Amino acid sequence: MASPHHIPTIELNDGSVMPVIGYGTGTAWYKTSDSGINRELVDAAKNAVNLGYRHLDGAEVYGTEEELGRAIQESGLPRDKLFVTTKVITNIADIPSAIDSSLKKLGLDYVDLYLIHAPFFAKTDSELQAAWAEMEQVKASGKARSIGVSNFVQSHLETILKTAQVVPSVNQIEYHPYLQHGKLLEFHEREGIKTVTYSGLSPVNRARGGPLDPLLADLAKKYAVDESEILIRWTLDRGCIPVTTSSKELRLASYLRSLTFKLTPREVEEISTLGEQKHFRAYWEDVYAADDRT
């Protein structure tokens, strides 16, 4: 077994540090019923840790917090060597009890990052602001070191910032060259909010046949990596923190090759420009208009 890869970290606005690549336990692992512990996920998450992943991303709605907790326990790593994220949406009406329930499933005293999974539960601005105030209580209690949001657009962020005592540390969004969110990342930058991303490989797995295909093939050849690693590298070079997943150890190992090279500024720009010629969204299409550029 190769020695684990060292993954660099990035500092959040509250002084916490987060590894720049995360391993996700959603999408493919999502459980629709409580079918007991999924050993395959426990082993895959342990493999990720063995390879060097230290940033583990879960959510109450995935139904996989127990698996993530089991993997953390079995990994044998000290708690402070791991960065664990979970998210609230199912029990959003009572965030203080939702975090207790998540911590129990994870077998942890605290998470490193706790996110509101999506803003769409809120019918009014004040509902969104009230939920954020409860997130701030969770942070004050020490049950979450950092707090943030997910799937928010600028207007949602502006709503909570009006009354917030704590600025969200991150906004986790679907992000790839075919979904660049207009000026949202610039807004994050101005407010000190880091962009965490998911579904970054969409151009090669869900949205093949787009304008990027030839360029990704050329760059993969140039850097002797897979097209997936080119996309992960592009995400990193755009200043974002990708969360990625796979059940295959070889694939997880190959994703880490994205840390061994950098695209030139011109290549980053070229991917961005070509990406803007196509629009593709894998998640939340029902909420955002088909042609949304946010």
C-alpha atoms as a PDB file:
ATOM      1  CA  MET A   1       0.000   0.000   0.000  1.00  0.00           C
ATOM      2  CA  ALA A   2       1.402   3.373  -1.014  1.00  0.00           C
ATOM      3  CA  SER A   3       2.029   5.858   1.760  1.00  0.00           C
ATOM      4  CA  PRO A   4      -0.880   8.277   2.164  1.00  0.00           C
ATOM      5  CA  HIS A   5      -0.823  11.408   0.111  1.00  0.00           C
ATOM      6  CA  HIS A   6      -0.445  14.642   2.043  1.00  0.00           C
ATOM      7  CA  ILE A   7      -3.341  16.962   1.224  1.00  0.00           C
ATOM      8  CA  PRO A   8      -2.739  20.694   1.766  1.00  0.00           C
ATOM      9  CA  THR A   9      -5.191  22.769   3.811  1.00  0.00           C
ATOM     10  CA  ILE A  10      -6.874  26.130   3.388  1.00  0.00           C
ATOM     11  CA  GLU A  11      -7.839  28.516   6.196  1.00  0.00           C
ATOM     12  CA  LEU A  12     -11.497  29.401   6.717  1.00  0.00           C
ATOM     13  CA  ASN A  13     -12.728  32.821   7.862  1.00  0.00           C
ATOM     14  CA  ASP A  14     -12.959  31.677  11.501  1.00  0.00           C
ATOM     15  CA  GLY A  15      -9.371  30.376  11.618  1.00  0.00           C
ATOM     16  CA  SER A  16     -10.224  26.678  11.151  1.00  0.00           C
ATOM     17  CA  VAL A  17      -8.262  24.812   8.506  1.00  0.00           C
ATOM     18  CA  MET A  18      -9.847  22.516   5.946  1.00  0.00           C
ATOM     19  CA  PRO A  19      -8.141  20.011   3.601  1.00  0.00           C
ATOM     20  CA  VAL A  20      -8.455  21.188  -0.011  1.00  0.00           C
ATOM     21  CA  ILE A  21     -10.027  17.950  -1.284  1.00  0.00           C
ATOM     22  CA  GLY A  22     -12.887  16.097   0.403  1.00  0.00           C
ATOM     23  CA  TYR A  23     -14.313  12.589   0.170  1.00  0.00           C
ATOM     24  CA  GLY A  24     -18.117  12.609  -0.135  1.00  0.00           C
ATOM     25  CA  THR A  25     -20.597  10.038   1.177  1.00  0.00           C
ATOM     26  CA  GLY A  26     -23.623  11.273  -0.810  1.00  0.00           C
ATOM     27  CA  THR A  27     -24.672  10.730  -4.455  1.00  0.00           C
ATOM     28  CA  ALA A  28     -23.825   7.076  -5.192  1.00  0.00           C
ATOM     29  CA  TRP A  29     -24.043   6.178  -1.494  1.00  0.00           C
ATOM     30  CA  TYR A  30     -27.398   7.848  -0.782  1.00  0.00           C
ATOM     31  CA  LYS A  31     -29.686   5.472   1.163  1.00  0.00           C
ATOM     32  CA  THR A  32     -33.398   5.531   0.379  1.00  0.00           C
ATOM     33  CA  SER A  33     -34.354   3.234   3.249  1.00  0.00           C
ATOM     34  CA  ASP A  34     -32.766   2.221   6.512  1.00  0.00           C
ATOM     35  CA  SER A  35     -31.287  -1.004   5.263  1.00  0.00           C
ATOM     36  CA  GLY A  36     -28.701  -1.386   8.022  1.00  0.00           C
ATOM     37  CA  ILE A  37     -25.011  -0.539   7.849  1.00  0.00           C
ATOM     38  CA  ASN A  38     -23.629  -0.475   4.309  1.00  0.00           C
ATOM     39  CA  ARG A  39     -20.239  -2.172   4.778  1.00  0.00           C
ATOM     40  CA  GLU A  40     -19.180  -1.213   1.272  1.00  0.00           C
ATOM     41  CA  LEU A  41     -19.377   2.479   2.179  1.00  0.00           C
ATOM     42  CA  VAL A  42     -17.585   1.964   5.507  1.00  0.00           C
ATOM     43  CA  ASP A  43     -14.732   0.234   3.656  1.00  0.00           C
ATOM     44  CA  ALA A  44     -14.638   2.810   0.860  1.00  0.00           C
ATOM     45  CA  ALA A  45     -14.441   5.676   3.374  1.00  0.00           C
ATOM     46  CA  LYS A  46     -11.677   3.832   5.267  1.00  0.00           C
ATOM     47  CA  ASN A  47      -9.826   3.360   1.965  1.00  0.00           C
ATOM     48  CA  ALA A  48     -10.153   7.092   1.338  1.00  0.00           C
ATOM     49  CA  VAL A  49      -8.611   7.802   4.757  1.00  0.00           C
ATOM     50  CA  ASN A  50      -5.809   5.290   4.079  1.00  0.00           C
ATOM     51  CA  LEU A  51      -5.041   7.085   0.811  1.00  0.00           C
ATOM     52  CA  GLY A  52      -4.710  10.392   2.653  1.00  0.00           C
ATOM     53  CA  TYR A  53      -8.188  11.945   2.498  1.00  0.00           C
ATOM     54  CA  ARG A  54      -8.778  13.762   5.793  1.00  0.00           C
ATOM     55  CA  HIS A  55     -11.866  15.799   4.851  1.00  0.00           C
ATOM     56  CA  LEU A  56     -14.986  13.599   5.005  1.00  0.00           C
ATOM     57  CA  ASP A  57     -18.314  14.996   3.852  1.00  0.00           C
ATOM     58  CA  GLY A  58     -21.691  13.647   4.973  1.00  0.00           C
ATOM     59  CA  ALA A  59     -25.278  14.817   5.506  1.00  0.00           C
ATOM     60  CA  GLU A  60     -28.309  13.711   7.508  1.00  0.00           C
ATOM     61  CA  VAL A  61     -30.368  13.334   4.324  1.00  0.00           C
ATOM     62  CA  TYR A  62     -27.871  10.859   2.767  1.00  0.00           C
ATOM     63  CA  GLY A  63     -28.727   8.357   5.520  1.00  0.00           C
ATOM     64  CA  THR A  64     -25.018   7.458   5.755  1.00  0.00           C
ATOM     65  CA  GLU A  65     -23.835   9.189   8.950  1.00  0.00           C
ATOM     66  CA  GLU A  66     -23.581   5.866  10.796  1.00  0.00           C
ATOM     67  CA  GLU A  67     -21.342   4.446   8.066  1.00  0.00           C
ATOM     68  CA  LEU A  68     -19.174   7.542   8.170  1.00  0.00           C
ATOM     69  CA  GLY A  69     -18.950   7.275  11.960  1.00  0.00           C
ATOM     70  CA  ARG A  70     -17.997   3.603  11.739  1.00  0.00           C
ATOM     71  CA  ALA A  71     -15.282   4.375   9.162  1.00  0.00           C
ATOM     72  CA  ILE A  72     -13.865   7.153  11.376  1.00  0.00           C
ATOM     73  CA  GLN A  73     -13.800   4.817  14.361  1.00  0.00           C
ATOM     74  CA  GLU A  74     -12.230   1.935  12.431  1.00  0.00           C
ATOM     75  CA  SER A  75      -9.654   4.165  10.719  1.00  0.00           C
ATOM     76  CA  GLY A  76      -7.882   4.452  14.081  1.00  0.00           C
ATOM     77  CA  LEU A  77      -6.909   8.062  13.320  1.00  0.00           C
ATOM     78  CA  PRO A  78      -7.075  10.589  16.158  1.00  0.00           C
ATOM     79  CA  ARG A  79     -10.207  12.750  15.901  1.00  0.00           C
ATOM     80  CA  ASP A  80      -8.213  15.960  15.447  1.00  0.00           C
ATOM     81  CA  LYS A  81      -6.568  14.579  12.299  1.00  0.00           C
ATOM     82  CA  LEU A  82      -9.915  14.461  10.490  1.00  0.00           C
ATOM     83  CA  PHE A  83     -12.154  17.223   9.149  1.00  0.00           C
ATOM     84  CA  VAL A  84     -15.766  16.025   9.243  1.00  0.00           C
ATOM     85  CA  THR A  85     -18.698  17.844   7.612  1.00  0.00           C
ATOM     86  CA  THR A  86     -22.379  17.071   7.950  1.00  0.00           C
ATOM     87  CA  LYS A  87     -25.493  18.945   6.837  1.00  0.00           C
ATOM     88  CA  VAL A  88     -29.027  19.574   8.089  1.00  0.00           C
ATOM     89  CA  ILE A  89     -32.216  19.647   6.026  1.00  0.00           C
ATOM     90  CA  THR A  90     -34.587  16.857   7.109  1.00  0.00           C
ATOM     91  CA  ASN A  91     -34.772  18.224  10.678  1.00  0.00           C
ATOM     92  CA  ILE A  92     -34.216  21.880   9.751  1.00  0.00           C
ATOM     93  CA  ALA A  93     -37.169  22.910  11.961  1.00  0.00           C
ATOM     94  CA  ASP A  94     -35.072  22.089  15.049  1.00  0.00           C
ATOM     95  CA  ILE A  95     -31.375  22.507  14.281  1.00  0.00           C
ATOM     96  CA  PRO A  96     -30.116  22.085  17.891  1.00  0.00           C
ATOM     97  CA  SER A  97     -31.696  18.629  18.086  1.00  0.00           C
ATOM     98  CA  ALA A  98     -30.677  17.791  14.496  1.00  0.00           C
ATOM     99  CA  ILE A  99     -26.974  18.261  15.334  1.00  0.00           C
ATOM    100  CA  ASP A 100     -27.356  16.060  18.441  1.00  0.00           C
ATOM    101  CA  SER A 101     -28.907  13.332  16.332  1.00  0.00           C
ATOM    102  CA  SER A 102     -26.154  13.614  13.683  1.00  0.00           C
ATOM    103  CA  LEU A 103     -23.387  13.542  16.312  1.00  0.00           C
ATOM    104  CA  LYS A 104     -24.905  10.436  17.862  1.00  0.00           C
ATOM    105  CA  LYS A 105     -24.936   8.639  14.494  1.00  0.00           C
ATOM    106  CA  LEU A 106     -21.396   9.801  13.729  1.00  0.00           C
ATOM    107  CA  GLY A 107     -20.202   8.803  17.208  1.00  0.00           C
ATOM    108  CA  LEU A 108     -18.544  12.224  17.581  1.00  0.00           C
ATOM    109  CA  ASP A 109     -18.610  15.081  20.104  1.00  0.00           C
ATOM    110  CA  TYR A 110     -18.399  17.720  17.378  1.00  0.00           C
ATOM    111  CA  VAL A 111     -18.208  18.160  13.625  1.00  0.00           C
ATOM    112  CA  ASP A 112     -15.677  20.433  11.985  1.00  0.00           C
ATOM    113  CA  LEU A 113     -18.264  21.925   9.652  1.00  0.00           C
ATOM    114  CA  TYR A 114     -22.056  21.992   9.816  1.00  0.00           C
ATOM    115  CA  LEU A 115     -24.058  23.205   6.821  1.00  0.00           C
ATOM    116  CA  ILE A 116     -27.646  24.130   6.039  1.00  0.00           C
ATOM    117  CA  HIS A 117     -28.026  21.712   3.133  1.00  0.00           C
ATOM    118  CA  ALA A 118     -30.256  23.956   1.002  1.00  0.00           C
ATOM    119  CA  PRO A 119     -32.258  27.174   1.418  1.00  0.00           C
ATOM    120  CA  PHE A 120     -35.475  26.011  -0.204  1.00  0.00           C
ATOM    121  CA  PHE A 121     -37.282  25.031   3.023  1.00  0.00           C
ATOM    122  CA  ALA A 122     -37.642  28.738   3.882  1.00  0.00           C
ATOM    123  CA  LYS A 123     -40.783  30.440   2.624  1.00  0.00           C
ATOM    124  CA  THR A 124     -39.666  33.821   3.993  1.00  0.00           C
ATOM    125  CA  ASP A 125     -36.439  35.701   4.645  1.00  0.00           C
ATOM    126  CA  SER A 126     -37.061  35.555   8.371  1.00  0.00           C
ATOM    127  CA  GLU A 127     -37.305  31.737   8.298  1.00  0.00           C
ATOM    128  CA  LEU A 128     -33.889  31.582   6.665  1.00  0.00           C
ATOM    129  CA  GLN A 129     -32.480  34.079   9.168  1.00  0.00           C
ATOM    130  CA  ALA A 130     -33.956  32.149  12.104  1.00  0.00           C
ATOM    131  CA  ALA A 131     -32.359  28.920  10.875  1.00  0.00           C
ATOM    132  CA  TRP A 132     -28.988  30.686  10.589  1.00  0.00           C
ATOM    133  CA  ALA A 133     -29.369  32.003  14.165  1.00  0.00           C
ATOM    134  CA  GLU A 134     -29.810  28.373  15.297  1.00  0.00           C
ATOM    135  CA  MET A 135     -26.659  27.410  13.351  1.00  0.00           C
ATOM    136  CA  GLU A 136     -24.829  30.145  15.267  1.00  0.00           C
ATOM    137  CA  GLN A 137     -26.045  28.588  18.543  1.00  0.00           C
ATOM    138  CA  VAL A 138     -24.626  25.223  17.419  1.00  0.00           C
ATOM    139  CA  LYS A 139     -21.256  26.863  16.759  1.00  0.00           C
ATOM    140  CA  ALA A 140     -21.361  28.656  20.135  1.00  0.00           C
ATOM    141  CA  SER A 141     -22.063  25.302  21.841  1.00  0.00           C
ATOM    142  CA  GLY A 142     -18.880  23.809  20.340  1.00  0.00           C
ATOM    143  CA  LYS A 143     -20.810  21.036  18.572  1.00  0.00           C
ATOM    144  CA  ALA A 144     -19.663  22.467  15.233  1.00  0.00           C
ATOM    145  CA  ARG A 145     -16.306  24.208  14.885  1.00  0.00           C
ATOM    146  CA  SER A 146     -17.412  26.036  11.728  1.00  0.00           C
ATOM    147  CA  ILE A 147     -20.811  26.631  10.123  1.00  0.00           C
ATOM    148  CA  GLY A 148     -21.860  27.287   6.565  1.00  0.00           C
ATOM    149  CA  VAL A 149     -24.444  26.703   3.871  1.00  0.00           C
ATOM    150  CA  SER A 150     -24.950  24.677   0.715  1.00  0.00           C
ATOM    151  CA  ASN A 151     -26.788  25.296  -2.567  1.00  0.00           C
ATOM    152  CA  PHE A 152     -27.295  28.981  -1.718  1.00  0.00           C
ATOM    153  CA  VAL A 153     -27.222  31.707  -4.362  1.00  0.00           C
ATOM    154  CA  GLN A 154     -26.228  35.308  -3.693  1.00  0.00           C
ATOM    155  CA  SER A 155     -29.724  36.461  -2.684  1.00  0.00           C
ATOM    156  CA  HIS A 156     -29.955  33.698  -0.021  1.00  0.00           C
ATOM    157  CA  LEU A 157     -26.541  34.672   1.340  1.00  0.00           C
ATOM    158  CA  GLU A 158     -27.469  38.364   1.417  1.00  0.00           C
ATOM    159  CA  THR A 159     -30.611  37.475   3.375  1.00  0.00           C
ATOM    160  CA  ILE A 160     -28.729  35.711   6.164  1.00  0.00           C
ATOM    161  CA  LEU A 161     -25.866  38.227   6.197  1.00  0.00           C
ATOM    162  CA  LYS A 162     -28.379  40.986   7.090  1.00  0.00           C
ATOM    163  CA  THR A 163     -28.855  39.496  10.564  1.00  0.00           C
ATOM    164  CA  ALA A 164     -25.852  37.166  10.935  1.00  0.00           C
ATOM    165  CA  GLN A 165     -23.416  37.415  13.837  1.00  0.00           C
ATOM    166  CA  VAL A 166     -21.214  34.818  12.117  1.00  0.00           C
ATOM    167  CA  VAL A 167     -20.445  34.908   8.388  1.00  0.00           C
ATOM    168  CA  PRO A 168     -20.820  31.433   6.818  1.00  0.00           C
ATOM    169  CA  SER A 169     -17.414  29.786   6.403  1.00  0.00           C
ATOM    170  CA  VAL A 170     -18.374  28.047   3.177  1.00  0.00           C
ATOM    171  CA  ASN A 171     -21.087  27.679   0.565  1.00  0.00           C
ATOM    172  CA  GLN A 172     -21.017  24.173  -0.930  1.00  0.00           C
ATOM    173  CA  ILE A 173     -22.394  24.223  -4.474  1.00  0.00           C
ATOM    174  CA  GLU A 174     -22.549  22.172  -7.624  1.00  0.00           C
ATOM    175  CA  TYR A 175     -19.719  23.668  -9.667  1.00  0.00           C
ATOM    176  CA  HIS A 176     -17.875  22.702 -12.838  1.00  0.00           C
ATOM    177  CA  PRO A 177     -17.041  24.367 -16.167  1.00  0.00           C
ATOM    178  CA  TYR A 178     -20.646  23.917 -17.368  1.00  0.00           C
ATOM    179  CA  LEU A 179     -22.059  25.543 -14.196  1.00  0.00           C
ATOM    180  CA  GLN A 180     -19.911  28.498 -13.144  1.00  0.00           C
ATOM    181  CA  HIS A 181     -22.567  30.539 -11.313  1.00  0.00           C
ATOM    182  CA  GLY A 182     -21.960  33.945 -12.850  1.00  0.00           C
ATOM    183  CA  LYS A 183     -20.665  36.353 -10.213  1.00  0.00           C
ATOM    184  CA  LEU A 184     -21.367  34.128  -7.187  1.00  0.00           C
ATOM    185  CA  LEU A 185     -17.725  33.169  -6.593  1.00  0.00           C
ATOM    186  CA  GLU A 186     -16.662  36.830  -6.668  1.00  0.00           C
ATOM    187  CA  PHE A 187     -19.346  37.522  -4.059  1.00  0.00           C
ATOM    188  CA  HIS A 188     -18.023  34.653  -1.889  1.00  0.00           C
ATOM    189  CA  GLU A 189     -14.515  36.091  -2.193  1.00  0.00           C
ATOM    190  CA  ARG A 190     -15.672  39.562  -1.123  1.00  0.00           C
ATOM    191  CA  GLU A 191     -17.501  38.190   1.907  1.00  0.00           C
ATOM    192  CA  GLY A 192     -14.715  35.795   2.956  1.00  0.00           C
ATOM    193  CA  ILE A 193     -16.798  32.689   2.191  1.00  0.00           C
ATOM    194  CA  LYS A 194     -14.940  29.701   0.728  1.00  0.00           C
ATOM    195  CA  THR A 195     -16.479  27.808  -2.197  1.00  0.00           C
ATOM    196  CA  VAL A 196     -16.730  24.048  -1.658  1.00  0.00           C
ATOM    197  CA  THR A 197     -17.838  22.163  -4.765  1.00  0.00           C
ATOM    198  CA  TYR A 198     -19.569  18.920  -5.713  1.00  0.00           C
ATOM    199  CA  SER A 199     -20.316  17.182  -9.047  1.00  0.00           C
ATOM    200  CA  GLY A 200     -17.099  18.653 -10.435  1.00  0.00           C
ATOM    201  CA  LEU A 201     -16.661  15.750 -12.846  1.00  0.00           C
ATOM    202  CA  SER A 202     -19.983  16.334 -14.631  1.00  0.00           C
ATOM    203  CA  PRO A 203     -18.308  17.304 -17.948  1.00  0.00           C
ATOM    204  CA  VAL A 204     -16.777  13.808 -18.199  1.00  0.00           C
ATOM    205  CA  ASN A 205     -19.443  11.652 -16.609  1.00  0.00           C
ATOM    206  CA  ARG A 206     -22.869  13.280 -16.959  1.00  0.00           C
ATOM    207  CA  ALA A 207     -22.437  15.848 -19.723  1.00  0.00           C
ATOM    208  CA  ARG A 208     -20.160  14.204 -22.276  1.00  0.00           C
ATOM    209  CA  GLY A 209     -20.316  15.484 -25.830  1.00  0.00           C
ATOM    210  CA  GLY A 210     -19.746  19.093 -24.841  1.00  0.00           C
ATOM    211  CA  PRO A 211     -17.290  21.722 -26.089  1.00  0.00           C
ATOM    212  CA  LEU A 212     -14.658  20.705 -23.505  1.00  0.00           C
ATOM    213  CA  ASP A 213     -14.159  17.132 -24.709  1.00  0.00           C
ATOM    214  CA  PRO A 214     -11.168  17.757 -27.065  1.00  0.00           C
ATOM    215  CA  LEU A 215      -9.393  20.155 -24.681  1.00  0.00           C
ATOM    216  CA  LEU A 216      -9.732  17.814 -21.683  1.00  0.00           C
ATOM    217  CA  ALA A 217      -8.350  14.942 -23.780  1.00  0.00           C
ATOM    218  CA  ASP A 218      -5.353  17.076 -24.848  1.00  0.00           C
ATOM    219  CA  LEU A 219      -4.606  18.291 -21.328  1.00  0.00           C
ATOM    220  CA  ALA A 220      -4.913  14.783 -19.879  1.00  0.00           C
ATOM    221  CA  LYS A 221      -2.311  13.661 -22.399  1.00  0.00           C
ATOM    222  CA  LYS A 222      -0.040  16.632 -21.674  1.00  0.00           C
ATOM    223  CA  TYR A 223      -0.043  16.070 -17.894  1.00  0.00           C
ATOM    224  CA  ALA A 224      -0.246  12.242 -18.082  1.00  0.00           C
ATOM    225  CA  VAL A 225      -3.371  12.104 -15.904  1.00  0.00           C
ATOM    226  CA  ASP A 226      -7.077  11.342 -16.454  1.00  0.00           C
ATOM    227  CA  GLU A 227      -9.569  13.959 -17.625  1.00  0.00           C
ATOM    228  CA  SER A 228     -11.142  13.779 -14.149  1.00  0.00           C
ATOM    229  CA  GLU A 229      -7.912  15.026 -12.599  1.00  0.00           C
ATOM    230  CA  ILE A 230      -7.805  17.923 -15.070  1.00  0.00           C
ATOM    231  CA  LEU A 231     -11.279  18.963 -13.881  1.00  0.00           C
ATOM    232  CA  ILE A 232     -10.340  18.621 -10.200  1.00  0.00           C
ATOM    233  CA  ARG A 233      -7.190  20.659 -10.859  1.00  0.00           C
ATOM    234  CA  TRP A 234      -9.240  23.342 -12.635  1.00  0.00           C
ATOM    235  CA  THR A 235     -11.523  23.528  -9.576  1.00  0.00           C
ATOM    236  CA  LEU A 236      -8.508  23.896  -7.266  1.00  0.00           C
ATOM    237  CA  ASP A 237      -6.922  26.493  -9.564  1.00  0.00           C
ATOM    238  CA  ARG A 238     -10.175  28.473  -9.390  1.00  0.00           C
ATOM    239  CA  GLY A 239      -9.675  28.631  -5.621  1.00  0.00           C
ATOM    240  CA  CYS A 240     -12.368  26.086  -4.738  1.00  0.00           C
ATOM    241  CA  ILE A 241     -12.395  22.993  -2.506  1.00  0.00           C
ATOM    242  CA  PRO A 242     -13.720  19.957  -4.418  1.00  0.00           C
ATOM    243  CA  VAL A 243     -15.597  17.131  -2.706  1.00  0.00           C
ATOM    244  CA  THR A 244     -15.495  13.991  -4.804  1.00  0.00           C
ATOM    245  CA  THR A 245     -16.447  10.361  -4.360  1.00  0.00           C
ATOM    246  CA  SER A 246     -15.964   6.873  -5.720  1.00  0.00           C
ATOM    247  CA  SER A 247     -16.254   3.333  -4.440  1.00  0.00           C
ATOM    248  CA  LYS A 248     -13.095   2.425  -6.349  1.00  0.00           C
ATOM    249  CA  GLU A 249      -9.802   2.787  -4.506  1.00  0.00           C
ATOM    250  CA  LEU A 250      -7.821   3.256  -7.741  1.00  0.00           C
ATOM    251  CA  ARG A 251     -10.039   6.108  -8.818  1.00  0.00           C
ATOM    252  CA  LEU A 252      -9.815   7.801  -5.419  1.00  0.00           C
ATOM    253  CA  ALA A 253      -6.035   7.485  -5.582  1.00  0.00           C
ATOM    254  CA  SER A 254      -5.957   8.940  -9.088  1.00  0.00           C
ATOM    255  CA  TYR A 255      -8.001  11.979  -7.997  1.00  0.00           C
ATOM    256  CA  LEU A 256      -5.149  12.854  -5.646  1.00  0.00           C
ATOM    257  CA  ARG A 257      -2.816  13.167  -8.635  1.00  0.00           C
ATOM    258  CA  SER A 258      -4.526  16.516  -9.201  1.00  0.00           C
ATOM    259  CA  LEU A 259      -2.344  17.790  -6.343  1.00  0.00           C
ATOM    260  CA  THR A 260       0.864  16.973  -8.211  1.00  0.00           C
ATOM    261  CA  PHE A 261       0.617  19.496 -11.059  1.00  0.00           C
ATOM    262  CA  LYS A 262      -0.914  22.886 -11.896  1.00  0.00           C
ATOM    263  CA  LEU A 263      -2.637  24.069 -15.038  1.00  0.00           C
ATOM    264  CA  THR A 264      -1.252  27.241 -16.577  1.00  0.00           C
ATOM    265  CA  PRO A 265      -3.394  30.377 -16.080  1.00  0.00           C
ATOM    266  CA  ARG A 266      -4.139  30.240 -19.788  1.00  0.00           C
ATOM    267  CA  GLU A 267      -5.376  26.631 -19.581  1.00  0.00           C
ATOM    268  CA  VAL A 268      -7.590  27.492 -16.594  1.00  0.00           C
ATOM    269  CA  GLU A 269      -9.046  30.382 -18.608  1.00  0.00           C
ATOM    270  CA  GLU A 270      -9.524  28.228 -21.700  1.00  0.00           C
ATOM    271  CA  ILE A 271     -11.473  25.592 -19.740  1.00  0.00           C
ATOM    272  CA  SER A 272     -13.625  28.340 -18.182  1.00  0.00           C
ATOM    273  CA  THR A 273     -14.354  30.039 -21.513  1.00  0.00           C
ATOM    274  CA  LEU A 274     -15.206  26.822 -23.367  1.00  0.00           C
ATOM    275  CA  GLY A 275     -17.280  25.672 -20.393  1.00  0.00           C
ATOM    276  CA  GLU A 276     -19.480  28.738 -20.676  1.00  0.00           C
ATOM    277  CA  GLN A 277     -20.661  27.570 -24.112  1.00  0.00           C
ATOM    278  CA  LYS A 278     -22.726  24.806 -22.487  1.00  0.00           C
ATOM    279  CA  HIS A 279     -25.040  24.870 -19.490  1.00  0.00           C
ATOM    280  CA  PHE A 280     -25.591  21.745 -17.413  1.00  0.00           C
ATOM    281  CA  ARG A 281     -26.928  21.222 -13.893  1.00  0.00           C
ATOM    282  CA  ALA A 282     -27.116  17.765 -12.287  1.00  0.00           C
ATOM    283  CA  TYR A 283     -28.964  18.734  -9.078  1.00  0.00           C
ATOM    284  CA  TRP A 284     -31.823  21.043  -8.053  1.00  0.00           C
ATOM    285  CA  GLU A 285     -32.905  21.566 -11.675  1.00  0.00           C
ATOM    286  CA  ASP A 286     -36.486  21.643 -10.417  1.00  0.00           C
ATOM    287  CA  VAL A 287     -35.708  24.711  -8.290  1.00  0.00           C
ATOM    288  CA  TYR A 288     -33.591  26.662 -10.755  1.00  0.00           C
ATOM    289  CA  ALA A 289     -34.867  27.553 -14.207  1.00  0.00           C
ATOM    290  CA  ALA A 290     -33.327  25.389 -16.913  1.00  0.00           C
ATOM    291  CA  ASP A 291     -31.249  28.254 -18.267  1.00  0.00           C
ATOM    292  CA  ASP A 292     -30.114  29.612 -14.901  1.00  0.00           C
ATOM    293  CA  ARG A 293     -26.648  31.087 -14.926  1.00  0.00           C
ATOM    294  CA  THR A 294     -26.509  31.453 -11.136  1.00  0.00           C
END
